[in-house]
Structures are given as C-alpha cells and as structure tokens.
Amino acid sequence: MMNLIQYLEKKPDLVALLKSQKASLIGISSMEQKAILDAYSSEVELESTAWL
C-alpha cells in the first residue's frame, strides 16, 4: 500500500483520473481506494499553535 501511495504522489494526474472514475486500482478494494482518495481530497492543516 505504501508503494502505491508513493507512486500516486509522483503522478497527480492519475489521482485526478481516479477521482473522476476514469481509472481504477486493480487489486485494491473499493474501501481502500475510497480511503486513498479521501486522503488526497482532505487538506491537512499543519500549522497549529499546539506545535509552536
């Protein structure tokens, strides 16, 4: 799974195709694919006063 995520980080155009359902990930369950796409869709705010 980690290799797949690293690959997708290098290929953002593939992530766009997955989001538009013009491509799929063979061997990855629909639940795993949804989790991957949700991770790319959500924006994580790294700045926080707790870390300062």
PDB file of N, CA and C in Angstrom:
ATOM      1  N   MET A   1       0.836  -1.191   0.000  1.00  0.00           N
ATOM      2  CA  MET A   1       0.000   0.000   0.000  1.00  0.00           C
ATOM      3  C   MET A   1       0.875   1.246   0.000  1.00  0.00           C
ATOM      4  N   MET A   2       1.970   1.209   0.767  1.00  0.00           N
ATOM      5  CA  MET A   2       2.851   2.379   0.840  1.00  0.00           C
ATOM      6  C   MET A   2       3.458   2.675  -0.532  1.00  0.00           C
ATOM      7  N   ASN A   3       3.836   1.646  -1.266  1.00  0.00           N
ATOM      8  CA  ASN A   3       4.393   1.849  -2.608  1.00  0.00           C
ATOM      9  C   ASN A   3       3.378   2.516  -3.524  1.00  0.00           C
ATOM     10  N   LEU A   4       2.120   2.123  -3.395  1.00  0.00           N
ATOM     11  CA  LEU A   4       1.059   2.709  -4.210  1.00  0.00           C
ATOM     12  C   LEU A   4       0.906   4.192  -3.895  1.00  0.00           C
ATOM     13  N   ILE A   5       0.909   4.538  -2.626  1.00  0.00           N
ATOM     14  CA  ILE A   5       0.755   5.941  -2.228  1.00  0.00           C
ATOM     15  C   ILE A   5       1.938   6.767  -2.720  1.00  0.00           C
ATOM     16  N   GLN A   6       3.141   6.216  -2.607  1.00  0.00           N
ATOM     17  CA  GLN A   6       4.322   6.922  -3.109  1.00  0.00           C
ATOM     18  C   GLN A   6       4.229   7.123  -4.619  1.00  0.00           C
ATOM     19  N   TYR A   7       3.737   6.131  -5.317  1.00  0.00           N
ATOM     20  CA  TYR A   7       3.574   6.237  -6.772  1.00  0.00           C
ATOM     21  C   TYR A   7       2.559   7.330  -7.110  1.00  0.00           C
ATOM     22  N   LEU A   8       1.440   7.347  -6.400  1.00  0.00           N
ATOM     23  CA  LEU A   8       0.405   8.350  -6.662  1.00  0.00           C
ATOM     24  C   LEU A   8       0.901   9.761  -6.358  1.00  0.00           C
ATOM     25  N   GLU A   9       1.780   9.901  -5.382  1.00  0.00           N
ATOM     26  CA  GLU A   9       2.342  11.215  -5.079  1.00  0.00           C
ATOM     27  C   GLU A   9       3.160  11.741  -6.248  1.00  0.00           C
ATOM     28  N   LYS A  10       3.782  10.847  -6.985  1.00  0.00           N
ATOM     29  CA  LYS A  10       4.581  11.240  -8.145  1.00  0.00           C
ATOM     30  C   LYS A  10       3.729  11.453  -9.387  1.00  0.00           C
ATOM     31  N   LYS A  11       2.493  10.958  -9.376  1.00  0.00           N
ATOM     32  CA  LYS A  11       1.602  11.020 -10.536  1.00  0.00           C
ATOM     33  C   LYS A  11       0.259  11.665 -10.166  1.00  0.00           C
ATOM     34  N   PRO A  12       0.236  12.971  -9.907  1.00  0.00           N
ATOM     35  CA  PRO A  12      -1.025  13.603  -9.514  1.00  0.00           C
ATOM     36  C   PRO A  12      -2.097  13.535 -10.600  1.00  0.00           C
ATOM     37  N   ASP A  13      -1.685  13.402 -11.854  1.00  0.00           N
ATOM     38  CA  ASP A  13      -2.675  13.275 -12.918  1.00  0.00           C
ATOM     39  C   ASP A  13      -3.457  11.969 -12.786  1.00  0.00           C
ATOM     40  N   LEU A  14      -2.822  10.936 -12.267  1.00  0.00           N
ATOM     41  CA  LEU A  14      -3.512   9.668 -12.046  1.00  0.00           C
ATOM     42  C   LEU A  14      -4.532   9.802 -10.920  1.00  0.00           C
ATOM     43  N   VAL A  15      -4.206  10.568  -9.903  1.00  0.00           N
ATOM     44  CA  VAL A  15      -5.151  10.813  -8.815  1.00  0.00           C
ATOM     45  C   VAL A  15      -6.402  11.496  -9.363  1.00  0.00           C
ATOM     46  N   ALA A  16      -6.229  12.437 -10.262  1.00  0.00           N
ATOM     47  CA  ALA A  16      -7.365  13.128 -10.874  1.00  0.00           C
ATOM     48  C   ALA A  16      -8.232  12.144 -11.658  1.00  0.00           C
ATOM     49  N   LEU A  17      -7.602  11.222 -12.380  1.00  0.00           N
ATOM     50  CA  LEU A  17      -8.356  10.211 -13.124  1.00  0.00           C
ATOM     51  C   LEU A  17      -9.119   9.283 -12.176  1.00  0.00           C
ATOM     52  N   LEU A  18      -8.512   8.936 -11.066  1.00  0.00           N
ATOM     53  CA  LEU A  18      -9.191   8.095 -10.086  1.00  0.00           C
ATOM     54  C   LEU A  18     -10.394   8.813  -9.484  1.00  0.00           C
ATOM     55  N   LYS A  19     -10.224  10.099  -9.183  1.00  0.00           N
ATOM     56  CA  LYS A  19     -11.321  10.876  -8.608  1.00  0.00           C
ATOM     57  C   LYS A  19     -12.494  10.997  -9.568  1.00  0.00           C
ATOM     58  N   SER A  20     -12.199  11.112 -10.860  1.00  0.00           N
ATOM     59  CA  SER A  20     -13.259  11.236 -11.858  1.00  0.00           C
ATOM     60  C   SER A  20     -13.745   9.880 -12.349  1.00  0.00           C
ATOM     61  N   GLN A  21     -13.261   8.810 -11.752  1.00  0.00           N
ATOM     62  CA  GLN A  21     -13.632   7.435 -12.063  1.00  0.00           C
ATOM     63  C   GLN A  21     -13.330   7.050 -13.507  1.00  0.00           C
ATOM     64  N   LYS A  22     -12.266   7.623 -14.052  1.00  0.00           N
ATOM     65  CA  LYS A  22     -11.810   7.265 -15.389  1.00  0.00           C
ATOM     66  C   LYS A  22     -10.675   6.247 -15.324  1.00  0.00           C
ATOM     67  N   ALA A  23     -10.281   5.893 -14.087  1.00  0.00           N
ATOM     68  CA  ALA A  23      -9.260   4.874 -13.861  1.00  0.00           C
ATOM     69  C   ALA A  23      -9.604   4.168 -12.558  1.00  0.00           C
ATOM     70  N   SER A  24      -9.052   2.981 -12.392  1.00  0.00           N
ATOM     71  CA  SER A  24      -9.263   2.256 -11.141  1.00  0.00           C
ATOM     72  C   SER A  24      -7.970   1.571 -10.745  1.00  0.00           C
ATOM     73  N   LEU A  25      -7.920   1.143  -9.512  1.00  0.00           N
ATOM     74  CA  LEU A  25      -6.737   0.478  -8.992  1.00  0.00           C
ATOM     75  C   LEU A  25      -7.026  -1.014  -8.875  1.00  0.00           C
ATOM     76  N   ILE A  26      -6.421  -1.801  -9.738  1.00  0.00           N
ATOM     77  CA  ILE A  26      -6.624  -3.247  -9.729  1.00  0.00           C
ATOM     78  C   ILE A  26      -5.958  -3.829  -8.486  1.00  0.00           C
ATOM     79  N   GLY A  27      -6.676  -4.692  -7.791  1.00  0.00           N
ATOM     80  CA  GLY A  27      -6.141  -5.324  -6.593  1.00  0.00           C
ATOM     81  C   GLY A  27      -6.364  -4.528  -5.330  1.00  0.00           C
ATOM     82  N   ILE A  28      -6.995  -3.356  -5.446  1.00  0.00           N
ATOM     83  CA  ILE A  28      -7.295  -2.513  -4.286  1.00  0.00           C
ATOM     84  C   ILE A  28      -8.807  -2.516  -4.098  1.00  0.00           C
ATOM     85  N   SER A  29      -9.266  -2.820  -2.905  1.00  0.00           N
ATOM     86  CA  SER A  29     -10.707  -2.854  -2.661  1.00  0.00           C
ATOM     87  C   SER A  29     -11.303  -1.454  -2.803  1.00  0.00           C
ATOM     88  N   SER A  30     -12.602  -1.412  -3.011  1.00  0.00           N
ATOM     89  CA  SER A  30     -13.265  -0.114  -3.162  1.00  0.00           C
ATOM     90  C   SER A  30     -13.142   0.710  -1.883  1.00  0.00           C
ATOM     91  N   MET A  31     -13.118   0.032  -0.737  1.00  0.00           N
ATOM     92  CA  MET A  31     -12.969   0.738   0.528  1.00  0.00           C
ATOM     93  C   MET A  31     -11.569   1.347   0.661  1.00  0.00           C
ATOM     94  N   GLU A  32     -10.552   0.598   0.241  1.00  0.00           N
ATOM     95  CA  GLU A  32      -9.184   1.112   0.280  1.00  0.00           C
ATOM     96  C   GLU A  32      -9.011   2.265  -0.702  1.00  0.00           C
ATOM     97  N   GLN A  33      -9.594   2.123  -1.895  1.00  0.00           N
ATOM     98  CA  GLN A  33      -9.491   3.185  -2.893  1.00  0.00           C
ATOM     99  C   GLN A  33     -10.173   4.446  -2.388  1.00  0.00           C
ATOM    100  N   LYS A  34     -11.331   4.293  -1.745  1.00  0.00           N
ATOM    101  CA  LYS A  34     -12.027   5.462  -1.199  1.00  0.00           C
ATOM    102  C   LYS A  34     -11.174   6.135  -0.128  1.00  0.00           C
ATOM    103  N   ALA A  35     -10.526   5.343   0.720  1.00  0.00           N
ATOM    104  CA  ALA A  35      -9.673   5.905   1.773  1.00  0.00           C
ATOM    105  C   ALA A  35      -8.503   6.680   1.174  1.00  0.00           C
ATOM    106  N   ILE A  36      -7.913   6.138   0.114  1.00  0.00           N
ATOM    107  CA  ILE A  36      -6.792   6.814  -0.552  1.00  0.00           C
ATOM    108  C   ILE A  36      -7.255   8.136  -1.140  1.00  0.00           C
ATOM    109  N   LEU A  37      -8.380   8.117  -1.846  1.00  0.00           N
ATOM    110  CA  LEU A  37      -8.886   9.337  -2.473  1.00  0.00           C
ATOM    111  C   LEU A  37      -9.336  10.354  -1.432  1.00  0.00           C
ATOM    112  N   ASP A  38      -9.905   9.879  -0.328  1.00  0.00           N
ATOM    113  CA  ASP A  38     -10.297  10.796   0.749  1.00  0.00           C
ATOM    114  C   ASP A  38      -9.068  11.492   1.323  1.00  0.00           C
ATOM    115  N   ALA A  39      -7.981  10.757   1.435  1.00  0.00           N
ATOM    116  CA  ALA A  39      -6.743  11.341   1.957  1.00  0.00           C
ATOM    117  C   ALA A  39      -6.229  12.433   1.027  1.00  0.00           C
ATOM    118  N   TYR A  40      -6.363  12.237  -0.273  1.00  0.00           N
ATOM    119  CA  TYR A  40      -5.914  13.255  -1.221  1.00  0.00           C
ATOM    120  C   TYR A  40      -6.898  14.424  -1.291  1.00  0.00           C
ATOM    121  N   SER A  41      -8.156  14.177  -0.964  1.00  0.00           N
ATOM    122  CA  SER A  41      -9.167  15.234  -1.030  1.00  0.00           C
ATOM    123  C   SER A  41      -9.138  16.136   0.191  1.00  0.00           C
ATOM    124  N   SER A  42      -8.820  15.563   1.342  1.00  0.00           N
ATOM    125  CA  SER A  42      -8.832  16.367   2.559  1.00  0.00           C
ATOM    126  C   SER A  42      -7.542  17.163   2.657  1.00  0.00           C
ATOM    127  N   GLU A  43      -7.662  18.339   3.200  1.00  0.00           N
ATOM    128  CA  GLU A  43      -6.496  19.186   3.381  1.00  0.00           C
ATOM    129  C   GLU A  43      -6.124  19.177   4.852  1.00  0.00           C
ATOM    130  N   VAL A  44      -4.907  18.840   5.130  1.00  0.00           N
ATOM    131  CA  VAL A  44      -4.433  18.804   6.498  1.00  0.00           C
ATOM    132  C   VAL A  44      -3.722  20.112   6.795  1.00  0.00           C
ATOM    133  N   GLU A  45      -4.144  20.758   7.843  1.00  0.00           N
ATOM    134  CA  GLU A  45      -3.500  21.999   8.237  1.00  0.00           C
ATOM    135  C   GLU A  45      -2.379  21.659   9.199  1.00  0.00           C
ATOM    136  N   LEU A  46      -1.165  21.895   8.774  1.00  0.00           N
ATOM    137  CA  LEU A  46      -0.009  21.536   9.581  1.00  0.00           C
ATOM    138  C   LEU A  46       0.360  22.600  10.594  1.00  0.00           C
ATOM    139  N   GLU A  47      -0.127  23.814  10.389  1.00  0.00           N
ATOM    140  CA  GLU A  47       0.197  24.876  11.314  1.00  0.00           C
ATOM    141  C   GLU A  47      -0.798  24.859  12.458  1.00  0.00           C
ATOM    142  N   SER A  48      -0.286  24.812  13.645  1.00  0.00           N
ATOM    143  CA  SER A  48      -1.138  24.801  14.823  1.00  0.00           C
ATOM    144  C   SER A  48      -0.375  25.457  15.963  1.00  0.00           C
ATOM    145  N   THR A  49      -1.085  26.134  16.825  1.00  0.00           N
ATOM    146  CA  THR A  49      -0.411  26.762  17.952  1.00  0.00           C
ATOM    147  C   THR A  49       0.088  25.737  18.943  1.00  0.00           C
ATOM    148  N   ALA A  50      -0.464  24.522  18.919  1.00  0.00           N
ATOM    149  CA  ALA A  50      -0.009  23.471  19.825  1.00  0.00           C
ATOM    150  C   ALA A  50       1.418  23.032  19.497  1.00  0.00           C
ATOM    151  N   TRP A  51       1.852  23.230  18.257  1.00  0.00           N
ATOM    152  CA  TRP A  51       3.181  22.798  17.842  1.00  0.00           C
ATOM    153  C   TRP A  51       4.222  23.902  18.008  1.00  0.00           C
ATOM    154  N   LEU A  52       3.785  25.075  18.330  1.00  0.00           N
ATOM    155  CA  LEU A  52       4.718  26.188  18.453  1.00  0.00           C
ATOM    156  C   LEU A  52       5.339  26.273  19.812  1.00  0.00           C
TER     157      LEU A  52
END
